[in-house]
Structures are given as C-alpha cells and as structure tokens.
C-alpha cells in the first residue's frame, strides 16, 4: 500500500480520536507536535490503527516508532 494512502487513513484515525485537524501529515510529525496527543490518546491511536489496517503491533514495532514516517514504514511491513 502506498505511503500516501496509509497517511490518509492514519489522519482519519487521528482526527477521530483527537477531534481536530490542527496538524500537518508529514514524515517528521511526532506526538509532541499535535495538541491533545498524550500517552492515553497514543494508545487509543495505535489500537485504532491496528483495527483499521487489520494488523497487530509487536513491542519491537512500537520501539521503532519515532515519527509519522517510521509509523508508515512499520505499517507497510505488516500489510
């Protein structure tokens, strides 16, 4: 699946959980860049992404996550 499509789906998840679109979907985007993205919403976001892409993150996958670019790469490796 192309990175652009994956980012669109991730954005849908972020908007549904954070209830705003005040962020730019770029590879360098991190949770610290987005209002309301705290540890609790982080877990909700990851769970929703697993559901949306029908994947399951392992601990080693989560340890790789540094920004949006690495999230997309991990998702691509699982689908």
PDB file of N, CA and C in Angstrom:
ATOM      1  N   UNK A   1       0.856  -1.176   0.000  1.00  0.00           N
ATOM      2  CA  UNK A   1       0.000   0.000   0.000  1.00  0.00           C
ATOM      3  C   UNK A   1       0.904   1.242   0.000  1.00  0.00           C
ATOM      4  N   UNK A   2       0.519   2.229  -0.775  1.00  0.00           N
ATOM      5  CA  UNK A   2       1.318   3.447  -0.892  1.00  0.00           C
ATOM      6  C   UNK A   2       1.280   4.273   0.394  1.00  0.00           C
ATOM      7  N   UNK A   3       2.384   4.956   0.649  1.00  0.00           N
ATOM      8  CA  UNK A   3       2.514   5.776   1.852  1.00  0.00           C
ATOM      9  C   UNK A   3       1.429   6.851   1.924  1.00  0.00           C
ATOM     10  N   UNK A   4       1.067   7.420   0.793  1.00  0.00           N
ATOM     11  CA  UNK A   4       0.051   8.488   0.775  1.00  0.00           C
ATOM     12  C   UNK A   4      -1.289   7.964   1.280  1.00  0.00           C
ATOM     13  N   UNK A   5      -1.669   6.781   0.857  1.00  0.00           N
ATOM     14  CA  UNK A   5      -2.940   6.172   1.277  1.00  0.00           C
ATOM     15  C   UNK A   5      -2.889   5.831   2.762  1.00  0.00           C
ATOM     16  N   UNK A   6      -1.753   5.290   3.201  1.00  0.00           N
ATOM     17  CA  UNK A   6      -1.593   4.964   4.621  1.00  0.00           C
ATOM     18  C   UNK A   6      -1.713   6.231   5.464  1.00  0.00           C
ATOM     19  N   UNK A   7      -1.075   7.314   5.044  1.00  0.00           N
ATOM     20  CA  UNK A   7      -1.151   8.575   5.792  1.00  0.00           C
ATOM     21  C   UNK A   7      -2.577   9.109   5.850  1.00  0.00           C
ATOM     22  N   UNK A   8      -3.320   8.965   4.760  1.00  0.00           N
ATOM     23  CA  UNK A   8      -4.718   9.413   4.764  1.00  0.00           C
ATOM     24  C   UNK A   8      -5.525   8.641   5.807  1.00  0.00           C
ATOM     25  N   UNK A   9      -5.309   7.339   5.877  1.00  0.00           N
ATOM     26  CA  UNK A   9      -6.035   6.515   6.848  1.00  0.00           C
ATOM     27  C   UNK A   9      -5.602   6.838   8.275  1.00  0.00           C
ATOM     28  N   UNK A  10      -4.314   7.081   8.471  1.00  0.00           N
ATOM     29  CA  UNK A  10      -3.824   7.462   9.800  1.00  0.00           C
ATOM     30  C   UNK A  10      -4.434   8.799  10.200  1.00  0.00           C
ATOM     31  N   UNK A  11      -4.513   9.730   9.256  1.00  0.00           N
ATOM     32  CA  UNK A  11      -5.100  11.038   9.558  1.00  0.00           C
ATOM     33  C   UNK A  11      -6.550  10.886  10.003  1.00  0.00           C
ATOM     34  N   UNK A  12      -7.303   9.992   9.352  1.00  0.00           N
ATOM     35  CA  UNK A  12      -8.685   9.734   9.761  1.00  0.00           C
ATOM     36  C   UNK A  12      -8.733   9.277  11.217  1.00  0.00           C
ATOM     37  N   UNK A  13      -7.812   8.409  11.592  1.00  0.00           N
ATOM     38  CA  UNK A  13      -7.753   7.916  12.970  1.00  0.00           C
ATOM     39  C   UNK A  13      -7.434   9.070  13.921  1.00  0.00           C
ATOM     40  N   UNK A  14      -6.426   9.856  13.587  1.00  0.00           N
ATOM     41  CA  UNK A  14      -6.033  10.976  14.445  1.00  0.00           C
ATOM     42  C   UNK A  14      -7.180  11.956  14.644  1.00  0.00           C
ATOM     43  N   UNK A  15      -7.852  12.307  13.567  1.00  0.00           N
ATOM     44  CA  UNK A  15      -8.966  13.259  13.648  1.00  0.00           C
ATOM     45  C   UNK A  15     -10.091  12.689  14.495  1.00  0.00           C
ATOM     46  N   UNK A  16     -10.384  11.395  14.343  1.00  0.00           N
ATOM     47  CA  UNK A  16     -11.487  10.803  15.101  1.00  0.00           C
ATOM     48  C   UNK A  16     -11.179  10.765  16.602  1.00  0.00           C
ATOM     49  N   UNK A  17      -9.938  10.564  16.967  1.00  0.00           N
ATOM     50  CA  UNK A  17      -9.591  10.471  18.386  1.00  0.00           C
ATOM     51  C   UNK A  17      -9.287  11.837  18.987  1.00  0.00           C
ATOM     52  N   UNK A  18      -8.520  12.657  18.265  1.00  0.00           N
ATOM     53  CA  UNK A  18      -8.113  13.960  18.801  1.00  0.00           C
ATOM     54  C   UNK A  18      -9.159  15.050  18.572  1.00  0.00           C
ATOM     55  N   UNK A  19     -10.096  14.786  17.658  1.00  0.00           N
ATOM     56  CA  UNK A  19     -11.203  15.696  17.351  1.00  0.00           C
ATOM     57  C   UNK A  19     -10.751  17.059  16.833  1.00  0.00           C
ATOM     58  N   UNK A  20      -9.657  17.070  16.071  1.00  0.00           N
ATOM     59  CA  UNK A  20      -9.222  18.283  15.368  1.00  0.00           C
ATOM     60  C   UNK A  20      -8.261  17.888  14.252  1.00  0.00           C
ATOM     61  N   UNK A  21      -8.032  18.835  13.349  1.00  0.00           N
ATOM     62  CA  UNK A  21      -7.123  18.612  12.226  1.00  0.00           C
ATOM     63  C   UNK A  21      -5.989  19.633  12.236  1.00  0.00           C
ATOM     64  N   UNK A  22      -5.593  20.083  13.410  1.00  0.00           N
ATOM     65  CA  UNK A  22      -4.574  21.118  13.532  1.00  0.00           C
ATOM     66  C   UNK A  22      -3.169  20.525  13.486  1.00  0.00           C
ATOM     67  N   UNK A  23      -2.872  19.797  12.434  1.00  0.00           N
ATOM     68  CA  UNK A  23      -1.550  19.216  12.252  1.00  0.00           C
ATOM     69  C   UNK A  23      -1.323  18.943  10.775  1.00  0.00           C
ATOM     70  N   UNK A  24      -0.066  18.868  10.397  1.00  0.00           N
ATOM     71  CA  UNK A  24       0.327  18.629   9.014  1.00  0.00           C
ATOM     72  C   UNK A  24       0.896  17.216   8.926  1.00  0.00           C
ATOM     73  N   UNK A  25       0.301  16.371   8.107  1.00  0.00           N
ATOM     74  CA  UNK A  25       0.754  14.981   7.988  1.00  0.00           C
ATOM     75  C   UNK A  25       2.058  14.923   7.190  1.00  0.00           C
ATOM     76  N   UNK A  26       3.166  15.021   7.903  1.00  0.00           N
ATOM     77  CA  UNK A  26       4.484  14.933   7.284  1.00  0.00           C
ATOM     78  C   UNK A  26       5.274  13.828   7.984  1.00  0.00           C
ATOM     79  N   UNK A  27       6.303  13.338   7.342  1.00  0.00           N
ATOM     80  CA  UNK A  27       7.086  12.233   7.900  1.00  0.00           C
ATOM     81  C   UNK A  27       7.705  12.571   9.248  1.00  0.00           C
ATOM     82  N   UNK A  28       8.042  13.830   9.474  1.00  0.00           N
ATOM     83  CA  UNK A  28       8.704  14.246  10.711  1.00  0.00           C
ATOM     84  C   UNK A  28       7.729  14.488  11.862  1.00  0.00           C
ATOM     85  N   UNK A  29       6.429  14.382  11.615  1.00  0.00           N
ATOM     86  CA  UNK A  29       5.414  14.656  12.642  1.00  0.00           C
ATOM     87  C   UNK A  29       5.579  13.702  13.829  1.00  0.00           C
ATOM     88  N   UNK A  30       5.566  14.261  15.035  1.00  0.00           N
ATOM     89  CA  UNK A  30       5.617  13.455  16.257  1.00  0.00           C
ATOM     90  C   UNK A  30       4.427  13.822  17.138  1.00  0.00           C
ATOM     91  N   UNK A  31       4.195  13.023  18.157  1.00  0.00           N
ATOM     92  CA  UNK A  31       3.086  13.286  19.077  1.00  0.00           C
ATOM     93  C   UNK A  31       3.231  14.650  19.734  1.00  0.00           C
ATOM     94  N   UNK A  32       4.456  15.062  20.007  1.00  0.00           N
ATOM     95  CA  UNK A  32       4.703  16.355  20.657  1.00  0.00           C
ATOM     96  C   UNK A  32       4.257  17.531  19.789  1.00  0.00           C
ATOM     97  N   UNK A  33       4.130  17.313  18.488  1.00  0.00           N
ATOM     98  CA  UNK A  33       3.725  18.373  17.557  1.00  0.00           C
ATOM     99  C   UNK A  33       2.216  18.570  17.490  1.00  0.00           C
ATOM    100  N   UNK A  34       1.451  17.666  18.105  1.00  0.00           N
ATOM    101  CA  UNK A  34      -0.003  17.671  17.937  1.00  0.00           C
ATOM    102  C   UNK A  34      -0.693  17.884  19.280  1.00  0.00           C
ATOM    103  N   UNK A  35      -1.531  18.925  19.348  1.00  0.00           N
ATOM    104  CA  UNK A  35      -2.286  19.208  20.571  1.00  0.00           C
ATOM    105  C   UNK A  35      -3.181  18.025  20.933  1.00  0.00           C
ATOM    106  N   UNK A  36      -3.145  17.641  22.201  1.00  0.00           N
ATOM    107  CA  UNK A  36      -4.017  16.583  22.687  1.00  0.00           C
ATOM    108  C   UNK A  36      -3.476  15.174  22.520  1.00  0.00           C
ATOM    109  N   UNK A  37      -2.322  15.032  21.864  1.00  0.00           N
ATOM    110  CA  UNK A  37      -1.751  13.703  21.653  1.00  0.00           C
ATOM    111  C   UNK A  37      -0.876  13.386  22.863  1.00  0.00           C
ATOM    112  N   UNK A  38      -1.477  12.765  23.867  1.00  0.00           N
ATOM    113  CA  UNK A  38      -0.768  12.402  25.082  1.00  0.00           C
ATOM    114  C   UNK A  38      -0.638  10.877  25.149  1.00  0.00           C
ATOM    115  N   UNK A  39      -0.171  10.363  26.275  1.00  0.00           N
ATOM    116  CA  UNK A  39       0.061   8.921  26.378  1.00  0.00           C
ATOM    117  C   UNK A  39      -1.227   8.110  26.246  1.00  0.00           C
ATOM    118  N   UNK A  40      -2.321   8.595  26.791  1.00  0.00           N
ATOM    119  CA  UNK A  40      -3.589   7.873  26.690  1.00  0.00           C
ATOM    120  C   UNK A  40      -4.102   7.868  25.249  1.00  0.00           C
ATOM    121  N   UNK A  41      -4.105   9.042  24.623  1.00  0.00           N
ATOM    122  CA  UNK A  41      -4.578   9.093  23.233  1.00  0.00           C
ATOM    123  C   UNK A  41      -3.633   8.316  22.316  1.00  0.00           C
ATOM    124  N   UNK A  42      -2.349   8.245  22.682  1.00  0.00           N
ATOM    125  CA  UNK A  42      -1.382   7.480  21.893  1.00  0.00           C
ATOM    126  C   UNK A  42      -1.794   6.008  21.824  1.00  0.00           C
ATOM    127  N   UNK A  43      -2.165   5.454  22.966  1.00  0.00           N
ATOM    128  CA  UNK A  43      -2.591   4.058  22.994  1.00  0.00           C
ATOM    129  C   UNK A  43      -3.891   3.862  22.207  1.00  0.00           C
ATOM    130  N   UNK A  44      -4.797   4.813  22.316  1.00  0.00           N
ATOM    131  CA  UNK A  44      -6.053   4.742  21.562  1.00  0.00           C
ATOM    132  C   UNK A  44      -5.769   4.809  20.059  1.00  0.00           C
ATOM    133  N   UNK A  45      -4.852   5.676  19.668  1.00  0.00           N
ATOM    134  CA  UNK A  45      -4.494   5.832  18.254  1.00  0.00           C
ATOM    135  C   UNK A  45      -3.891   4.533  17.720  1.00  0.00           C
ATOM    136  N   UNK A  46      -2.951   3.965  18.449  1.00  0.00           N
ATOM    137  CA  UNK A  46      -2.318   2.725  17.987  1.00  0.00           C
ATOM    138  C   UNK A  46      -3.329   1.583  17.883  1.00  0.00           C
ATOM    139  N   UNK A  47      -4.231   1.487  18.843  1.00  0.00           N
ATOM    140  CA  UNK A  47      -5.260   0.446  18.801  1.00  0.00           C
ATOM    141  C   UNK A  47      -6.160   0.624  17.585  1.00  0.00           C
ATOM    142  N   UNK A  48      -6.563   1.859  17.322  1.00  0.00           N
ATOM    143  CA  UNK A  48      -7.434   2.145  16.171  1.00  0.00           C
ATOM    144  C   UNK A  48      -6.707   1.877  14.853  1.00  0.00           C
ATOM    145  N   UNK A  49      -5.413   2.183  14.802  1.00  0.00           N
ATOM    146  CA  UNK A  49      -4.625   1.910  13.590  1.00  0.00           C
ATOM    147  C   UNK A  49      -4.537   0.399  13.358  1.00  0.00           C
ATOM    148  N   UNK A  50      -4.342  -0.369  14.428  1.00  0.00           N
ATOM    149  CA  UNK A  50      -4.324  -1.826  14.288  1.00  0.00           C
ATOM    150  C   UNK A  50      -5.641  -2.322  13.693  1.00  0.00           C
ATOM    151  N   UNK A  51      -6.748  -1.788  14.180  1.00  0.00           N
ATOM    152  CA  UNK A  51      -8.063  -2.190  13.668  1.00  0.00           C
ATOM    153  C   UNK A  51      -8.231  -1.784  12.210  1.00  0.00           C
ATOM    154  N   UNK A  52      -7.857  -0.551  11.889  1.00  0.00           N
ATOM    155  CA  UNK A  52      -8.075  -0.015  10.544  1.00  0.00           C
ATOM    156  C   UNK A  52      -7.277  -0.782   9.489  1.00  0.00           C
ATOM    157  N   UNK A  53      -6.058  -1.181   9.827  1.00  0.00           N
ATOM    158  CA  UNK A  53      -5.202  -1.875   8.868  1.00  0.00           C
ATOM    159  C   UNK A  53      -5.199  -3.391   9.079  1.00  0.00           C
ATOM    160  N   UNK A  54      -5.963  -3.855  10.072  1.00  0.00           N
ATOM    161  CA  UNK A  54      -6.035  -5.281  10.378  1.00  0.00           C
ATOM    162  C   UNK A  54      -4.637  -5.865  10.619  1.00  0.00           C
ATOM    163  N   UNK A  55      -3.893  -5.187  11.490  1.00  0.00           N
ATOM    164  CA  UNK A  55      -2.545  -5.610  11.851  1.00  0.00           C
ATOM    165  C   UNK A  55      -2.436  -5.654  13.372  1.00  0.00           C
ATOM    166  N   UNK A  56      -1.333  -6.173  13.860  1.00  0.00           N
ATOM    167  CA  UNK A  56      -1.057  -6.201  15.291  1.00  0.00           C
ATOM    168  C   UNK A  56       0.389  -5.766  15.491  1.00  0.00           C
ATOM    169  N   UNK A  57       0.581  -4.702  16.272  1.00  0.00           N
ATOM    170  CA  UNK A  57       1.927  -4.240  16.569  1.00  0.00           C
ATOM    171  C   UNK A  57       2.556  -5.121  17.636  1.00  0.00           C
ATOM    172  N   UNK A  58       3.828  -5.407  17.470  1.00  0.00           N
ATOM    173  CA  UNK A  58       4.612  -6.098  18.491  1.00  0.00           C
ATOM    174  C   UNK A  58       5.452  -5.044  19.199  1.00  0.00           C
ATOM    175  N   UNK A  59       6.009  -5.405  20.342  1.00  0.00           N
ATOM    176  CA  UNK A  59       6.807  -4.466  21.107  1.00  0.00           C
ATOM    177  C   UNK A  59       7.963  -3.916  20.276  1.00  0.00           C
ATOM    178  N   UNK A  60       8.608  -4.762  19.502  1.00  0.00           N
ATOM    179  CA  UNK A  60       9.729  -4.275  18.689  1.00  0.00           C
ATOM    180  C   UNK A  60       9.263  -3.263  17.631  1.00  0.00           C
ATOM    181  N   UNK A  61       8.026  -3.425  17.146  1.00  0.00           N
ATOM    182  CA  UNK A  61       7.464  -2.440  16.205  1.00  0.00           C
ATOM    183  C   UNK A  61       7.292  -1.103  16.902  1.00  0.00           C
ATOM    184  N   UNK A  62       6.741  -1.137  18.098  1.00  0.00           N
ATOM    185  CA  UNK A  62       6.483   0.098  18.841  1.00  0.00           C
ATOM    186  C   UNK A  62       7.782   0.808  19.196  1.00  0.00           C
ATOM    187  N   UNK A  63       8.837   0.043  19.456  1.00  0.00           N
ATOM    188  CA  UNK A  63      10.132   0.647  19.777  1.00  0.00           C
ATOM    189  C   UNK A  63      10.742   1.376  18.582  1.00  0.00           C
ATOM    190  N   UNK A  64      10.336   1.021  17.367  1.00  0.00           N
ATOM    191  CA  UNK A  64      10.844   1.670  16.157  1.00  0.00           C
ATOM    192  C   UNK A  64      10.179   3.020  15.898  1.00  0.00           C
ATOM    193  N   UNK A  65       9.025   3.246  16.504  1.00  0.00           N
ATOM    194  CA  UNK A  65       8.243   4.435  16.187  1.00  0.00           C
ATOM    195  C   UNK A  65       8.894   5.702  16.731  1.00  0.00           C
ATOM    196  N   UNK A  66       9.355   6.532  15.830  1.00  0.00           N
ATOM    197  CA  UNK A  66       9.962   7.815  16.192  1.00  0.00           C
ATOM    198  C   UNK A  66       9.140   8.990  15.674  1.00  0.00           C
ATOM    199  N   UNK A  67       8.467   8.772  14.535  1.00  0.00           N
ATOM    200  CA  UNK A  67       7.674   9.826  13.899  1.00  0.00           C
ATOM    201  C   UNK A  67       6.705   9.181  12.905  1.00  0.00           C
ATOM    202  N   UNK A  68       5.986  10.017  12.178  1.00  0.00           N
ATOM    203  CA  UNK A  68       4.987   9.525  11.232  1.00  0.00           C
ATOM    204  C   UNK A  68       5.628   8.667  10.144  1.00  0.00           C
ATOM    205  N   UNK A  69       6.806   9.033   9.705  1.00  0.00           N
ATOM    206  CA  UNK A  69       7.494   8.279   8.657  1.00  0.00           C
ATOM    207  C   UNK A  69       7.789   6.850   9.080  1.00  0.00           C
ATOM    208  N   UNK A  70       8.260   6.672  10.317  1.00  0.00           N
ATOM    209  CA  UNK A  70       8.544   5.310  10.777  1.00  0.00           C
ATOM    210  C   UNK A  70       7.258   4.528  11.022  1.00  0.00           C
ATOM    211  N   UNK A  71       6.195   5.209  11.438  1.00  0.00           N
ATOM    212  CA  UNK A  71       4.901   4.533  11.598  1.00  0.00           C
ATOM    213  C   UNK A  71       4.425   3.987  10.260  1.00  0.00           C
ATOM    214  N   UNK A  72       4.515   4.791   9.216  1.00  0.00           N
ATOM    215  CA  UNK A  72       4.105   4.355   7.876  1.00  0.00           C
ATOM    216  C   UNK A  72       4.934   3.164   7.445  1.00  0.00           C
ATOM    217  N   UNK A  73       6.240   3.211   7.672  1.00  0.00           N
ATOM    218  CA  UNK A  73       7.132   2.115   7.295  1.00  0.00           C
ATOM    219  C   UNK A  73       6.764   0.825   8.029  1.00  0.00           C
ATOM    220  N   UNK A  74       6.487   0.919   9.317  1.00  0.00           N
ATOM    221  CA  UNK A  74       6.102  -0.270  10.085  1.00  0.00           C
ATOM    222  C   UNK A  74       4.781  -0.836   9.561  1.00  0.00           C
ATOM    223  N   UNK A  75       3.818   0.037   9.297  1.00  0.00           N
ATOM    224  CA  UNK A  75       2.530  -0.434   8.757  1.00  0.00           C
ATOM    225  C   UNK A  75       2.749  -1.124   7.413  1.00  0.00           C
ATOM    226  N   UNK A  76       3.556  -0.529   6.541  1.00  0.00           N
ATOM    227  CA  UNK A  76       3.814  -1.134   5.229  1.00  0.00           C
ATOM    228  C   UNK A  76       4.442  -2.523   5.377  1.00  0.00           C
ATOM    229  N   UNK A  77       5.284  -2.705   6.378  1.00  0.00           N
ATOM    230  CA  UNK A  77       5.939  -4.009   6.565  1.00  0.00           C
ATOM    231  C   UNK A  77       4.961  -5.073   7.065  1.00  0.00           C
ATOM    232  N   UNK A  78       3.831  -4.646   7.616  1.00  0.00           N
ATOM    233  CA  UNK A  78       2.874  -5.587   8.200  1.00  0.00           C
ATOM    234  C   UNK A  78       1.704  -5.917   7.279  1.00  0.00           C
ATOM    235  N   UNK A  79       1.519  -5.136   6.233  1.00  0.00           N
ATOM    236  CA  UNK A  79       0.380  -5.420   5.344  1.00  0.00           C
ATOM    237  C   UNK A  79       0.840  -5.961   4.008  1.00  0.00           C
TER     238      UNK A  79
END
